[in-house]
Each structure stands twice: as C-alpha cells, then as structure tokens.
Amino acid sequence: MSGIIAMISTDFIINRIFTFRNTQVMIDRDLAELYQVLVKRLNEQVKRNEERFPESFRFQLTEKEKNELVANCDRFQSLKYSSV
C-alpha cells in the first residue's frame, strides 16, 4: 500500500487539508480515498481501535463547521443533508 500512497501528488494531499479550530484536518472520505478503503470501514476501525488513534486524530466537525465545508467545497455537497 505504501507504493500507492507514494505515487499520490503533494497537491492532492494539500488540497484535502482543512483548518478548523486552528487544527489541520482531513475529512474521513478523503482519508479513505487516500488509503483506498471504504469510509465506513475507516470509521469502523477508528471506533474499534480508539487506543491506536489519538484524540487529535478523531476530530468531529460541528454542524456549523460542516455547513461551512459544504458551502466552500462543491465536492462535499452530499454532506449537506448528512448527520454530523
């Protein structure tokens, strides 16, 4: 898998980093795309292995932050009606 990640451009990753509450974060669907797994599976693994994922890794957007993300990034339109 590391070979796949090595081929991804720096711009691809940089364009998927957002800043909320003075913290740089990546949205779960972008991480799942990066690691080529389903979003559902990524989130399941985080929940099942909380000791392996530090609190800072498990950043949860507020409703206001989610709405800001949707308003600023067309590719997140599908989040508009999803629960946080």
N, C-alpha and C. Protein backbone atom coordinates (compact mmCIF):
# COMPACT_ATOMS: atom_id res chain seq x y z
N MET A 1 0.82 -1.19 0.00
CA MET A 1 0.00 0.00 0.00
C MET A 1 0.86 1.25 0.00
N SER A 2 2.03 1.22 0.62
CA SER A 2 2.86 2.42 0.68
C SER A 2 3.29 2.87 -0.71
N GLY A 3 3.43 1.95 -1.66
CA GLY A 3 3.77 2.31 -3.03
C GLY A 3 2.68 3.14 -3.67
N ILE A 4 1.45 2.81 -3.40
CA ILE A 4 0.31 3.55 -3.94
C ILE A 4 0.31 4.96 -3.37
N ILE A 5 0.50 5.08 -2.08
CA ILE A 5 0.49 6.39 -1.44
C ILE A 5 1.66 7.23 -1.95
N ALA A 6 2.81 6.63 -2.20
CA ALA A 6 3.97 7.36 -2.68
C ALA A 6 3.72 8.01 -4.03
N MET A 7 2.82 7.45 -4.83
CA MET A 7 2.54 7.98 -6.16
C MET A 7 1.57 9.16 -6.14
N ILE A 8 0.94 9.41 -5.03
CA ILE A 8 -0.03 10.50 -4.92
C ILE A 8 0.72 11.82 -4.80
N SER A 9 0.27 12.80 -5.54
CA SER A 9 0.96 14.09 -5.55
C SER A 9 0.77 14.85 -4.24
N THR A 10 1.72 15.68 -3.96
CA THR A 10 1.65 16.53 -2.77
C THR A 10 0.44 17.45 -2.86
N ASP A 11 0.15 17.96 -4.05
CA ASP A 11 -1.01 18.84 -4.23
C ASP A 11 -2.31 18.13 -3.88
N PHE A 12 -2.41 16.86 -4.23
CA PHE A 12 -3.60 16.08 -3.92
C PHE A 12 -3.86 16.11 -2.42
N ILE A 13 -2.81 15.91 -1.64
CA ILE A 13 -2.95 15.88 -0.18
C ILE A 13 -3.17 17.29 0.37
N ILE A 14 -2.39 18.24 -0.08
CA ILE A 14 -2.51 19.62 0.41
C ILE A 14 -3.91 20.16 0.19
N ASN A 15 -4.50 19.85 -0.95
CA ASN A 15 -5.85 20.34 -1.28
C ASN A 15 -6.94 19.67 -0.46
N ARG A 16 -6.60 18.68 0.33
CA ARG A 16 -7.58 17.98 1.14
C ARG A 16 -7.39 18.24 2.64
N ILE A 17 -6.52 19.17 2.95
CA ILE A 17 -6.31 19.56 4.34
C ILE A 17 -7.07 20.85 4.61
N PHE A 18 -7.89 20.82 5.64
CA PHE A 18 -8.69 21.98 6.04
C PHE A 18 -8.29 22.38 7.45
N THR A 19 -8.53 23.64 7.79
CA THR A 19 -8.24 24.11 9.13
C THR A 19 -9.55 24.47 9.83
N PHE A 20 -9.79 23.80 10.93
CA PHE A 20 -10.93 24.07 11.79
C PHE A 20 -10.41 24.18 13.21
N ARG A 21 -10.85 25.21 13.92
CA ARG A 21 -10.43 25.42 15.31
C ARG A 21 -8.90 25.40 15.44
N ASN A 22 -8.24 26.04 14.50
CA ASN A 22 -6.77 26.12 14.48
C ASN A 22 -6.10 24.75 14.42
N THR A 23 -6.80 23.77 13.87
CA THR A 23 -6.27 22.42 13.73
C THR A 23 -6.40 21.99 12.27
N GLN A 24 -5.32 21.49 11.71
CA GLN A 24 -5.38 20.99 10.34
C GLN A 24 -5.96 19.58 10.36
N VAL A 25 -6.98 19.36 9.53
CA VAL A 25 -7.67 18.07 9.49
C VAL A 25 -7.90 17.62 8.06
N MET A 26 -8.11 16.31 7.91
CA MET A 26 -8.58 15.74 6.65
C MET A 26 -9.92 15.07 6.94
N ILE A 27 -10.82 15.21 6.01
CA ILE A 27 -12.15 14.61 6.14
C ILE A 27 -12.03 13.10 5.91
N ASP A 28 -12.85 12.34 6.63
CA ASP A 28 -12.76 10.88 6.56
C ASP A 28 -12.86 10.34 5.15
N ARG A 29 -13.69 10.92 4.32
CA ARG A 29 -13.81 10.40 2.94
C ARG A 29 -12.53 10.63 2.15
N ASP A 30 -11.79 11.70 2.45
CA ASP A 30 -10.52 11.93 1.78
C ASP A 30 -9.46 10.95 2.26
N LEU A 31 -9.43 10.67 3.55
CA LEU A 31 -8.50 9.67 4.08
C LEU A 31 -8.81 8.29 3.50
N ALA A 32 -10.09 7.96 3.42
CA ALA A 32 -10.48 6.67 2.85
C ALA A 32 -10.03 6.57 1.40
N GLU A 33 -10.21 7.65 0.65
CA GLU A 33 -9.76 7.66 -0.74
C GLU A 33 -8.25 7.49 -0.82
N LEU A 34 -7.53 8.17 0.03
CA LEU A 34 -6.08 8.10 0.06
C LEU A 34 -5.59 6.67 0.32
N TYR A 35 -6.24 5.99 1.26
CA TYR A 35 -5.84 4.63 1.61
C TYR A 35 -6.62 3.55 0.85
N GLN A 36 -7.48 3.99 -0.05
CA GLN A 36 -8.27 3.09 -0.90
C GLN A 36 -9.09 2.09 -0.10
N VAL A 37 -9.84 2.63 0.86
CA VAL A 37 -10.77 1.83 1.66
C VAL A 37 -12.11 2.56 1.68
N LEU A 38 -13.15 1.85 2.07
CA LEU A 38 -14.46 2.48 2.21
C LEU A 38 -14.47 3.37 3.44
N VAL A 39 -15.18 4.49 3.36
CA VAL A 39 -15.29 5.42 4.50
C VAL A 39 -15.85 4.67 5.72
N LYS A 40 -16.85 3.85 5.47
CA LYS A 40 -17.48 3.08 6.55
C LYS A 40 -16.44 2.21 7.26
N ARG A 41 -15.58 1.57 6.51
CA ARG A 41 -14.55 0.69 7.12
C ARG A 41 -13.52 1.49 7.89
N LEU A 42 -13.12 2.64 7.35
CA LEU A 42 -12.17 3.51 8.05
C LEU A 42 -12.74 3.92 9.41
N ASN A 43 -13.98 4.38 9.41
CA ASN A 43 -14.61 4.82 10.66
C ASN A 43 -14.82 3.66 11.63
N GLU A 44 -15.14 2.48 11.12
CA GLU A 44 -15.27 1.31 11.98
C GLU A 44 -13.96 1.00 12.69
N GLN A 45 -12.86 1.05 11.94
CA GLN A 45 -11.55 0.74 12.52
C GLN A 45 -11.15 1.76 13.58
N VAL A 46 -11.47 3.02 13.35
CA VAL A 46 -11.17 4.05 14.35
C VAL A 46 -11.96 3.77 15.62
N LYS A 47 -13.25 3.46 15.49
CA LYS A 47 -14.09 3.19 16.67
C LYS A 47 -13.64 1.93 17.41
N ARG A 48 -13.25 0.91 16.67
CA ARG A 48 -12.84 -0.35 17.30
C ARG A 48 -11.45 -0.28 17.93
N ASN A 49 -10.65 0.65 17.50
CA ASN A 49 -9.24 0.73 17.94
C ASN A 49 -8.91 2.12 18.46
N GLU A 50 -9.74 2.66 19.32
CA GLU A 50 -9.55 4.03 19.80
C GLU A 50 -8.18 4.24 20.43
N GLU A 51 -7.62 3.21 21.05
CA GLU A 51 -6.29 3.35 21.67
C GLU A 51 -5.19 3.57 20.64
N ARG A 52 -5.43 3.17 19.41
CA ARG A 52 -4.43 3.34 18.34
C ARG A 52 -4.55 4.68 17.63
N PHE A 53 -5.67 5.36 17.84
CA PHE A 53 -5.91 6.64 17.19
C PHE A 53 -6.04 7.72 18.26
N PRO A 54 -5.09 8.62 18.35
CA PRO A 54 -5.14 9.65 19.40
C PRO A 54 -6.37 10.55 19.24
N GLU A 55 -6.72 11.19 20.31
CA GLU A 55 -7.89 12.09 20.33
C GLU A 55 -7.82 13.10 19.18
N SER A 56 -6.65 13.61 18.90
CA SER A 56 -6.50 14.60 17.84
C SER A 56 -6.79 14.02 16.46
N PHE A 57 -6.67 12.71 16.31
CA PHE A 57 -6.99 12.06 15.03
C PHE A 57 -8.50 12.00 14.82
N ARG A 58 -9.24 11.92 15.91
CA ARG A 58 -10.70 11.74 15.84
C ARG A 58 -11.42 13.07 15.97
N PHE A 59 -11.15 13.97 15.10
CA PHE A 59 -11.72 15.32 15.10
C PHE A 59 -13.14 15.24 14.55
N GLN A 60 -14.11 15.81 15.27
CA GLN A 60 -15.51 15.80 14.84
C GLN A 60 -15.95 17.22 14.52
N LEU A 61 -16.42 17.44 13.30
CA LEU A 61 -16.92 18.75 12.91
C LEU A 61 -18.25 19.04 13.60
N THR A 62 -18.46 20.31 13.94
CA THR A 62 -19.76 20.73 14.44
C THR A 62 -20.68 20.90 13.22
N GLU A 63 -21.94 21.08 13.46
CA GLU A 63 -22.89 21.30 12.37
C GLU A 63 -22.51 22.57 11.59
N LYS A 64 -22.13 23.61 12.30
CA LYS A 64 -21.73 24.87 11.65
C LYS A 64 -20.49 24.66 10.78
N GLU A 65 -19.50 23.92 11.27
CA GLU A 65 -18.29 23.65 10.51
C GLU A 65 -18.60 22.81 9.27
N LYS A 66 -19.47 21.83 9.43
CA LYS A 66 -19.85 21.00 8.29
C LYS A 66 -20.53 21.86 7.22
N ASN A 67 -21.42 22.75 7.64
CA ASN A 67 -22.10 23.62 6.69
C ASN A 67 -21.12 24.55 5.98
N GLU A 68 -20.11 25.03 6.70
CA GLU A 68 -19.07 25.87 6.11
C GLU A 68 -18.28 25.08 5.05
N LEU A 69 -17.96 23.84 5.36
CA LEU A 69 -17.23 22.99 4.43
C LEU A 69 -18.05 22.76 3.16
N VAL A 70 -19.32 22.46 3.32
CA VAL A 70 -20.21 22.21 2.18
C VAL A 70 -20.35 23.48 1.33
N ALA A 71 -20.45 24.63 1.99
CA ALA A 71 -20.61 25.89 1.27
C ALA A 71 -19.36 26.25 0.47
N ASN A 72 -18.20 25.87 0.98
CA ASN A 72 -16.94 26.26 0.33
C ASN A 72 -16.38 25.22 -0.63
N CYS A 73 -16.85 24.00 -0.56
CA CYS A 73 -16.29 22.93 -1.40
C CYS A 73 -17.42 22.14 -2.05
N ASP A 74 -17.58 22.33 -3.34
CA ASP A 74 -18.66 21.66 -4.07
C ASP A 74 -18.61 20.14 -3.93
N ARG A 75 -17.42 19.58 -3.81
CA ARG A 75 -17.33 18.12 -3.75
C ARG A 75 -17.92 17.54 -2.46
N PHE A 76 -18.28 18.39 -1.52
CA PHE A 76 -18.90 17.90 -0.28
C PHE A 76 -20.41 18.16 -0.23
N GLN A 77 -21.02 18.47 -1.37
CA GLN A 77 -22.46 18.71 -1.41
C GLN A 77 -23.27 17.57 -0.80
N SER A 78 -22.79 16.34 -0.98
CA SER A 78 -23.52 15.20 -0.45
C SER A 78 -23.57 15.19 1.07
N LEU A 79 -22.72 15.96 1.73
CA LEU A 79 -22.75 16.06 3.20
C LEU A 79 -23.83 16.99 3.70
N LYS A 80 -24.39 17.77 2.79
CA LYS A 80 -25.34 18.82 3.18
C LYS A 80 -26.46 18.27 4.05
N TYR A 81 -26.95 17.10 3.75
CA TYR A 81 -28.09 16.56 4.49
C TYR A 81 -27.70 15.38 5.37
N SER A 82 -26.41 15.14 5.53
CA SER A 82 -25.99 14.02 6.39
C SER A 82 -25.86 14.49 7.83
N SER A 83 -25.94 13.55 8.76
CA SER A 83 -25.76 13.90 10.16
C SER A 83 -24.27 14.06 10.42
N VAL A 84 -23.93 14.87 11.41
CA VAL A 84 -22.52 15.12 11.73
C VAL A 84 -21.91 13.91 12.40
